[in-house]
Amino acid sequence: MSGVYARRIAVLTASAALTATGVLATAPAAQAAPPTPVSAATARTYLASLTVRTEGSSTGYSRDKFPHWSTQYDACNTREVVLQRDGSGVQQDSSCAAVSGSWYSEYDGATWTAASDLDIDHVVALAEAWRSGASTWTTAQRQSFANDLSRPQLIAVTDDVNQAKSDLDPAEWLPPRSAYRCTYARMWVQVKHHWKLSVDSAEKGALQSVLNGC
C-alpha cells in the first residue's frame, strides 16, 4: 500500500520527484494512441440518441463475465497489443511482454518507462457497461466489448489514476488532465453509442457540458 501511495504522490509532484520514480518529464515526440474518436459534433448527435434511464443494478456482475485479455495474434493478448500501440520505442520479448519503452498517460500527463506502472483502462468500465445494458448480453458479446480495439475503448494509463477512476462515469470522474476531457467524452459517447448502452441523466448532463466546451 505504501508503494502505491508513494507512486500516486510522485505523479502529482514536481519533475524532480517524477524523475526519481522513473517518470520522464515530457511526452514522446511521436505518440501512438487509441483510434481517434468521433468529432465533438458527432458525439453530441450520438449522445442525443442514447437511451436515458436510471442506472441498473450491479447484482450478478463479475469481471469474469467479460473475458479478457483475449489472444490477438501469436502470443500477444489485448493488453500487450495496447501497450505496443500506445507506447514509444516498445520492445517485446518472445512472450509478447513489453520489456522496454515509454508510455505517456493522457489522463494525467505522466510518462512511464515500465509497463508495470500502466493499466489498460476500459474507457467505459466493465461494471458501468453491466449497469447500462451489458447484463443482458451473451458472454461472447461481453468478451468482444472487453477487448474492443476498433473503438476508442482501451487506453494505457497510469495505474493509480485508473484505479482512482474505478467504474465511475463522467458525472463522477473525469481525467485529472483537463486538456484530455473533451477527447475522453468523445471516446465515451462513441463507445456507448456503438454498443447501444444507456446513460443516466447525470452522466448525460456531464457529457453534454464537456462536449459543449470542446
C-alpha atoms as a PDB file:
ATOM      1  CA  MET A   1       0.000   0.000   0.000  1.00  0.00           C
ATOM      2  CA  SER A   2       2.782   2.439   0.841  1.00  0.00           C
ATOM      3  CA  GLY A   3       4.364   1.921  -2.576  1.00  0.00           C
ATOM      4  CA  VAL A   4       1.085   2.685  -4.356  1.00  0.00           C
ATOM      5  CA  TYR A   5       0.624   5.798  -2.246  1.00  0.00           C
ATOM      6  CA  ALA A   6       4.168   6.958  -2.939  1.00  0.00           C
ATOM      7  CA  ARG A   7       3.732   6.469  -6.649  1.00  0.00           C
ATOM      8  CA  ARG A   8       0.470   8.417  -6.651  1.00  0.00           C
ATOM      9  CA  ILE A   9       2.178  11.299  -4.873  1.00  0.00           C
ATOM     10  CA  ALA A  10       5.065  11.121  -7.322  1.00  0.00           C
ATOM     11  CA  VAL A  11       2.713  11.594 -10.261  1.00  0.00           C
ATOM     12  CA  LEU A  12       1.427  14.802  -8.753  1.00  0.00           C
ATOM     13  CA  THR A  13       4.676  16.356  -7.577  1.00  0.00           C
ATOM     14  CA  ALA A  14       7.436  18.317  -9.258  1.00  0.00           C
ATOM     15  CA  SER A  15       9.625  16.996 -12.041  1.00  0.00           C
ATOM     16  CA  ALA A  16      12.442  16.068  -9.675  1.00  0.00           C
ATOM     17  CA  ALA A  17      10.169  13.710  -7.833  1.00  0.00           C
ATOM     18  CA  LEU A  18       8.865  12.363 -11.124  1.00  0.00           C
ATOM     19  CA  THR A  19      12.379  11.619 -12.280  1.00  0.00           C
ATOM     20  CA  ALA A  20      13.114   9.851  -9.008  1.00  0.00           C
ATOM     21  CA  THR A  21      10.241   7.428  -9.578  1.00  0.00           C
ATOM     22  CA  GLY A  22      11.239   6.618 -13.148  1.00  0.00           C
ATOM     23  CA  VAL A  23       8.874   9.075 -14.830  1.00  0.00           C
ATOM     24  CA  LEU A  24      10.072  11.174 -17.727  1.00  0.00           C
ATOM     25  CA  ALA A  25       9.170  14.834 -17.815  1.00  0.00           C
ATOM     26  CA  THR A  26       7.938  15.065 -21.404  1.00  0.00           C
ATOM     27  CA  ALA A  27       5.783  13.004 -23.724  1.00  0.00           C
ATOM     28  CA  PRO A  28       7.343  11.183 -26.687  1.00  0.00           C
ATOM     29  CA  ALA A  29       7.518  13.287 -29.836  1.00  0.00           C
ATOM     30  CA  ALA A  30       5.512  10.742 -31.811  1.00  0.00           C
ATOM     31  CA  GLN A  31       2.830   9.153 -29.695  1.00  0.00           C
ATOM     32  CA  ALA A  32       0.554   6.322 -30.729  1.00  0.00           C
ATOM     33  CA  ALA A  33      -2.950   6.370 -29.337  1.00  0.00           C
ATOM     34  CA  PRO A  34      -6.321   4.641 -29.373  1.00  0.00           C
ATOM     35  CA  PRO A  35      -8.459   5.005 -32.519  1.00  0.00           C
ATOM     36  CA  THR A  36      -9.373   8.676 -32.985  1.00  0.00           C
ATOM     37  CA  PRO A  37     -12.869   9.200 -31.581  1.00  0.00           C
ATOM     38  CA  VAL A  38     -15.687  10.866 -33.457  1.00  0.00           C
ATOM     39  CA  SER A  39     -15.802  14.661 -33.518  1.00  0.00           C
ATOM     40  CA  ALA A  40     -17.467  16.640 -30.747  1.00  0.00           C
ATOM     41  CA  ALA A  41     -20.337  17.477 -33.100  1.00  0.00           C
ATOM     42  CA  THR A  42     -20.891  13.819 -33.934  1.00  0.00           C
ATOM     43  CA  ALA A  43     -20.560  12.900 -30.267  1.00  0.00           C
ATOM     44  CA  ARG A  44     -23.261  15.419 -29.380  1.00  0.00           C
ATOM     45  CA  THR A  45     -25.529  13.816 -32.004  1.00  0.00           C
ATOM     46  CA  TYR A  46     -24.758  10.346 -30.678  1.00  0.00           C
ATOM     47  CA  LEU A  47     -25.373  11.452 -27.109  1.00  0.00           C
ATOM     48  CA  ALA A  48     -28.779  12.840 -28.004  1.00  0.00           C
ATOM     49  CA  SER A  49     -29.735   9.441 -29.447  1.00  0.00           C
ATOM     50  CA  LEU A  50     -28.704   7.352 -26.414  1.00  0.00           C
ATOM     51  CA  THR A  51     -31.390   5.867 -24.198  1.00  0.00           C
ATOM     52  CA  VAL A  52     -31.580   7.725 -20.895  1.00  0.00           C
ATOM     53  CA  ARG A  53     -32.568   5.627 -17.916  1.00  0.00           C
ATOM     54  CA  THR A  54     -31.683   5.110 -14.290  1.00  0.00           C
ATOM     55  CA  GLU A  55     -28.520   3.088 -13.968  1.00  0.00           C
ATOM     56  CA  GLY A  56     -29.161  -0.586 -13.374  1.00  0.00           C
ATOM     57  CA  SER A  57     -28.014  -2.797 -10.545  1.00  0.00           C
ATOM     58  CA  SER A  58     -24.561  -4.342 -10.127  1.00  0.00           C
ATOM     59  CA  THR A  59     -26.187  -7.559  -8.932  1.00  0.00           C
ATOM     60  CA  GLY A  60     -24.616 -10.513 -10.678  1.00  0.00           C
ATOM     61  CA  TYR A  61     -21.687  -8.507 -12.017  1.00  0.00           C
ATOM     62  CA  SER A  62     -18.244 -10.072 -12.200  1.00  0.00           C
ATOM     63  CA  ARG A  63     -15.210  -9.165 -14.274  1.00  0.00           C
ATOM     64  CA  ASP A  64     -15.074 -12.852 -15.161  1.00  0.00           C
ATOM     65  CA  LYS A  65     -18.235 -12.320 -17.185  1.00  0.00           C
ATOM     66  CA  PHE A  66     -16.193 -10.053 -19.505  1.00  0.00           C
ATOM     67  CA  PRO A  67     -13.334 -12.418 -20.505  1.00  0.00           C
ATOM     68  CA  HIS A  68     -10.102 -10.509 -21.101  1.00  0.00           C
ATOM     69  CA  TRP A  69      -7.394 -10.221 -22.189  1.00  0.00           C
ATOM     70  CA  SER A  70      -8.036 -12.234 -25.386  1.00  0.00           C
ATOM     71  CA  THR A  71      -5.252 -13.512 -27.618  1.00  0.00           C
ATOM     72  CA  GLN A  72      -4.977 -11.230 -30.660  1.00  0.00           C
ATOM     73  CA  TYR A  73      -2.147 -12.927 -32.565  1.00  0.00           C
ATOM     74  CA  ASP A  74       0.691 -15.328 -31.768  1.00  0.00           C
ATOM     75  CA  ALA A  75       1.451 -14.912 -28.033  1.00  0.00           C
ATOM     76  CA  CYS A  76       0.080 -11.364 -27.894  1.00  0.00           C
ATOM     77  CA  ASN A  77      -3.048 -10.627 -25.893  1.00  0.00           C
ATOM     78  CA  THR A  78      -5.104  -7.443 -25.913  1.00  0.00           C
ATOM     79  CA  ARG A  79      -3.134  -5.807 -23.092  1.00  0.00           C
ATOM     80  CA  GLU A  80       0.174  -6.293 -24.887  1.00  0.00           C
ATOM     81  CA  VAL A  81      -1.284  -5.030 -28.161  1.00  0.00           C
ATOM     82  CA  VAL A  82      -2.456  -1.834 -26.440  1.00  0.00           C
ATOM     83  CA  LEU A  83       0.916  -1.366 -24.710  1.00  0.00           C
ATOM     84  CA  GLN A  84       2.653  -1.713 -28.086  1.00  0.00           C
ATOM     85  CA  ARG A  85       0.178   0.638 -29.773  1.00  0.00           C
ATOM     86  CA  ASP A  86       0.157   3.352 -27.127  1.00  0.00           C
ATOM     87  CA  GLY A  87       3.872   3.363 -26.353  1.00  0.00           C
ATOM     88  CA  SER A  88       7.012   4.732 -27.948  1.00  0.00           C
ATOM     89  CA  GLY A  89      10.006   2.523 -28.735  1.00  0.00           C
ATOM     90  CA  VAL A  90       8.316  -0.522 -27.203  1.00  0.00           C
ATOM     91  CA  GLN A  91      10.321  -3.733 -27.250  1.00  0.00           C
ATOM     92  CA  GLN A  92       8.636  -7.059 -26.561  1.00  0.00           C
ATOM     93  CA  ASP A  93      10.087 -10.420 -25.549  1.00  0.00           C
ATOM     94  CA  SER A  94       9.221 -13.796 -27.088  1.00  0.00           C
ATOM     95  CA  SER A  95       6.098 -13.952 -24.930  1.00  0.00           C
ATOM     96  CA  CYS A  96       4.977 -10.550 -26.288  1.00  0.00           C
ATOM     97  CA  ALA A  97       5.532  -8.886 -22.896  1.00  0.00           C
ATOM     98  CA  ALA A  98       6.700  -5.278 -23.127  1.00  0.00           C
ATOM     99  CA  VAL A  99      10.218  -5.180 -21.658  1.00  0.00           C
ATOM    100  CA  SER A 100      11.137  -1.602 -22.538  1.00  0.00           C
ATOM    101  CA  GLY A 101       9.679   1.592 -23.978  1.00  0.00           C
ATOM    102  CA  SER A 102       7.929   4.704 -22.728  1.00  0.00           C
ATOM    103  CA  TRP A 103       4.267   5.453 -22.305  1.00  0.00           C
ATOM    104  CA  TYR A 104       2.576   8.833 -21.966  1.00  0.00           C
ATOM    105  CA  SER A 105      -0.576   8.664 -19.839  1.00  0.00           C
ATOM    106  CA  GLU A 106      -3.122  11.017 -21.391  1.00  0.00           C
ATOM    107  CA  TYR A 107      -5.227  11.063 -18.229  1.00  0.00           C
ATOM    108  CA  ASP A 108      -2.599  12.704 -16.006  1.00  0.00           C
ATOM    109  CA  GLY A 109       0.325  13.739 -18.215  1.00  0.00           C
ATOM    110  CA  ALA A 110       2.873  11.342 -16.702  1.00  0.00           C
ATOM    111  CA  THR A 111       5.293   9.287 -18.783  1.00  0.00           C
ATOM    112  CA  TRP A 112       6.405   5.875 -17.571  1.00  0.00           C
ATOM    113  CA  THR A 113       9.233   3.594 -18.607  1.00  0.00           C
ATOM    114  CA  ALA A 114       7.969   0.361 -17.010  1.00  0.00           C
ATOM    115  CA  ALA A 115       4.904  -1.431 -18.334  1.00  0.00           C
ATOM    116  CA  SER A 116       4.068  -2.483 -14.778  1.00  0.00           C
ATOM    117  CA  ASP A 117       3.204   1.155 -13.989  1.00  0.00           C
ATOM    118  CA  LEU A 118       0.398   1.080 -16.545  1.00  0.00           C
ATOM    119  CA  ASP A 119      -3.132  -0.247 -16.556  1.00  0.00           C
ATOM    120  CA  ILE A 120      -5.186  -0.712 -19.690  1.00  0.00           C
ATOM    121  CA  ASP A 121      -8.301   1.286 -18.923  1.00  0.00           C
ATOM    122  CA  HIS A 122     -11.674   0.313 -20.283  1.00  0.00           C
ATOM    123  CA  VAL A 123     -12.936   3.830 -21.025  1.00  0.00           C
ATOM    124  CA  VAL A 124     -16.468   2.627 -20.340  1.00  0.00           C
ATOM    125  CA  ALA A 125     -15.723   0.394 -17.376  1.00  0.00           C
ATOM    126  CA  LEU A 126     -16.947  -3.193 -17.392  1.00  0.00           C
ATOM    127  CA  ALA A 127     -19.161  -2.659 -14.340  1.00  0.00           C
ATOM    128  CA  GLU A 128     -20.550   0.542 -15.864  1.00  0.00           C
ATOM    129  CA  ALA A 129     -21.363  -1.372 -19.042  1.00  0.00           C
ATOM    130  CA  TRP A 130     -23.069  -4.086 -16.974  1.00  0.00           C
ATOM    131  CA  ARG A 131     -25.319  -1.495 -15.317  1.00  0.00           C
ATOM    132  CA  SER A 132     -26.001   0.164 -18.684  1.00  0.00           C
ATOM    133  CA  GLY A 133     -27.209  -2.888 -20.589  1.00  0.00           C
ATOM    134  CA  ALA A 134     -24.403  -5.452 -20.833  1.00  0.00           C
ATOM    135  CA  SER A 135     -26.020  -7.602 -18.124  1.00  0.00           C
ATOM    136  CA  THR A 136     -28.318  -8.907 -20.870  1.00  0.00           C
ATOM    137  CA  TRP A 137     -25.532  -9.703 -23.331  1.00  0.00           C
ATOM    138  CA  THR A 138     -24.040 -13.074 -24.098  1.00  0.00           C
ATOM    139  CA  THR A 139     -20.575 -13.873 -22.770  1.00  0.00           C
ATOM    140  CA  ALA A 140     -19.267 -13.616 -26.352  1.00  0.00           C
ATOM    141  CA  GLN A 141     -20.636 -10.068 -26.641  1.00  0.00           C
ATOM    142  CA  ARG A 142     -19.090  -9.079 -23.330  1.00  0.00           C
ATOM    143  CA  GLN A 143     -15.760 -10.561 -24.402  1.00  0.00           C
ATOM    144  CA  SER A 144     -15.839  -8.510 -27.606  1.00  0.00           C
ATOM    145  CA  PHE A 145     -16.591  -5.385 -25.606  1.00  0.00           C
ATOM    146  CA  ALA A 146     -13.799  -6.022 -23.107  1.00  0.00           C
ATOM    147  CA  ASN A 147     -11.249  -6.479 -25.915  1.00  0.00           C
ATOM    148  CA  ASP A 148     -12.531  -3.840 -28.356  1.00  0.00           C
ATOM    149  CA  LEU A 149      -9.563  -2.476 -30.287  1.00  0.00           C
ATOM    150  CA  SER A 150     -11.687  -0.964 -33.071  1.00  0.00           C
ATOM    151  CA  ARG A 151     -13.326   1.717 -30.941  1.00  0.00           C
ATOM    152  CA  PRO A 152     -11.535   4.146 -28.542  1.00  0.00           C
ATOM    153  CA  GLN A 153     -12.374   1.900 -25.581  1.00  0.00           C
ATOM    154  CA  LEU A 154      -8.899   0.813 -24.430  1.00  0.00           C
ATOM    155  CA  ILE A 155      -6.024   3.086 -23.427  1.00  0.00           C
ATOM    156  CA  ALA A 156      -2.775   2.650 -21.484  1.00  0.00           C
ATOM    157  CA  VAL A 157      -2.728   4.997 -18.485  1.00  0.00           C
ATOM    158  CA  THR A 158      -1.075   5.413 -15.076  1.00  0.00           C
ATOM    159  CA  ASP A 159      -2.253   2.518 -12.918  1.00  0.00           C
ATOM    160  CA  ASP A 160      -3.088   4.620  -9.846  1.00  0.00           C
ATOM    161  CA  VAL A 161      -5.190   7.002 -11.929  1.00  0.00           C
ATOM    162  CA  ASN A 162      -7.094   4.124 -13.472  1.00  0.00           C
ATOM    163  CA  GLN A 163      -7.707   2.646 -10.029  1.00  0.00           C
ATOM    164  CA  ALA A 164      -8.979   6.010  -8.783  1.00  0.00           C
ATOM    165  CA  LYS A 165     -11.412   6.107 -11.699  1.00  0.00           C
ATOM    166  CA  SER A 166     -12.663   2.604 -10.860  1.00  0.00           C
ATOM    167  CA  ASP A 167     -16.070   2.127 -12.534  1.00  0.00           C
ATOM    168  CA  LEU A 168     -17.192   5.760 -12.278  1.00  0.00           C
ATOM    169  CA  ASP A 169     -18.982   7.535 -15.110  1.00  0.00           C
ATOM    170  CA  PRO A 170     -18.228  11.112 -16.309  1.00  0.00           C
ATOM    171  CA  ALA A 171     -20.635  12.638 -13.798  1.00  0.00           C
ATOM    172  CA  GLU A 172     -18.405  11.191 -11.074  1.00  0.00           C
ATOM    173  CA  TRP A 173     -14.924  11.191 -12.646  1.00  0.00           C
ATOM    174  CA  LEU A 174     -13.061  12.890 -15.478  1.00  0.00           C
ATOM    175  CA  PRO A 175      -9.350  12.704 -16.322  1.00  0.00           C
ATOM    176  CA  PRO A 176      -7.354  14.959 -13.988  1.00  0.00           C
ATOM    177  CA  ARG A 177      -5.596  16.388 -17.056  1.00  0.00           C
ATOM    178  CA  SER A 178      -8.310  18.779 -18.210  1.00  0.00           C
ATOM    179  CA  ALA A 179      -6.882  19.070 -21.738  1.00  0.00           C
ATOM    180  CA  TYR A 180      -7.941  15.466 -22.387  1.00  0.00           C
ATOM    181  CA  ARG A 181     -11.501  15.714 -21.129  1.00  0.00           C
ATOM    182  CA  CYS A 182     -13.012  16.618 -24.495  1.00  0.00           C
ATOM    183  CA  THR A 183     -11.326  13.623 -26.123  1.00  0.00           C
ATOM    184  CA  TYR A 184     -12.401  11.398 -23.239  1.00  0.00           C
ATOM    185  CA  ALA A 185     -16.051  12.473 -23.573  1.00  0.00           C
ATOM    186  CA  ARG A 186     -15.938  11.804 -27.320  1.00  0.00           C
ATOM    187  CA  MET A 187     -14.456   8.366 -26.646  1.00  0.00           C
ATOM    188  CA  TRP A 188     -17.078   7.555 -24.004  1.00  0.00           C
ATOM    189  CA  VAL A 189     -20.033   8.556 -26.162  1.00  0.00           C
ATOM    190  CA  GLN A 190     -18.752   6.714 -29.224  1.00  0.00           C
ATOM    191  CA  VAL A 191     -18.321   3.511 -27.235  1.00  0.00           C
ATOM    192  CA  LYS A 192     -21.756   3.735 -25.621  1.00  0.00           C
ATOM    193  CA  HIS A 193     -23.355   4.549 -28.976  1.00  0.00           C
ATOM    194  CA  HIS A 194     -21.702   1.652 -30.788  1.00  0.00           C
ATOM    195  CA  TRP A 195     -22.545  -0.859 -28.068  1.00  0.00           C
ATOM    196  CA  LYS A 196     -26.070   0.540 -27.560  1.00  0.00           C
ATOM    197  CA  LEU A 197     -25.548   1.192 -23.864  1.00  0.00           C
ATOM    198  CA  SER A 198     -27.743   3.594 -21.922  1.00  0.00           C
ATOM    199  CA  VAL A 199     -26.778   6.705 -19.966  1.00  0.00           C
ATOM    200  CA  ASP A 200     -28.295   8.075 -16.772  1.00  0.00           C
ATOM    201  CA  SER A 201     -29.378  11.709 -16.558  1.00  0.00           C
ATOM    202  CA  ALA A 202     -26.392  12.933 -14.531  1.00  0.00           C
ATOM    203  CA  GLU A 203     -23.964  11.168 -16.855  1.00  0.00           C
ATOM    204  CA  LYS A 204     -25.643  12.696 -19.908  1.00  0.00           C
ATOM    205  CA  GLY A 205     -25.548  16.162 -18.369  1.00  0.00           C
ATOM    206  CA  ALA A 206     -21.843  15.874 -17.565  1.00  0.00           C
ATOM    207  CA  LEU A 207     -21.059  14.684 -21.094  1.00  0.00           C
ATOM    208  CA  GLN A 208     -23.114  17.496 -22.633  1.00  0.00           C
ATOM    209  CA  SER A 209     -21.219  20.025 -20.545  1.00  0.00           C
ATOM    210  CA  VAL A 210     -17.827  18.709 -21.637  1.00  0.00           C
ATOM    211  CA  LEU A 211     -18.796  18.336 -25.303  1.00  0.00           C
ATOM    212  CA  ASN A 212     -20.304  21.836 -25.453  1.00  0.00           C
ATOM    213  CA  GLY A 213     -16.929  23.190 -24.367  1.00  0.00           C
ATOM    214  CA  CYS A 214     -14.936  21.290 -26.997  1.00  0.00           C
END
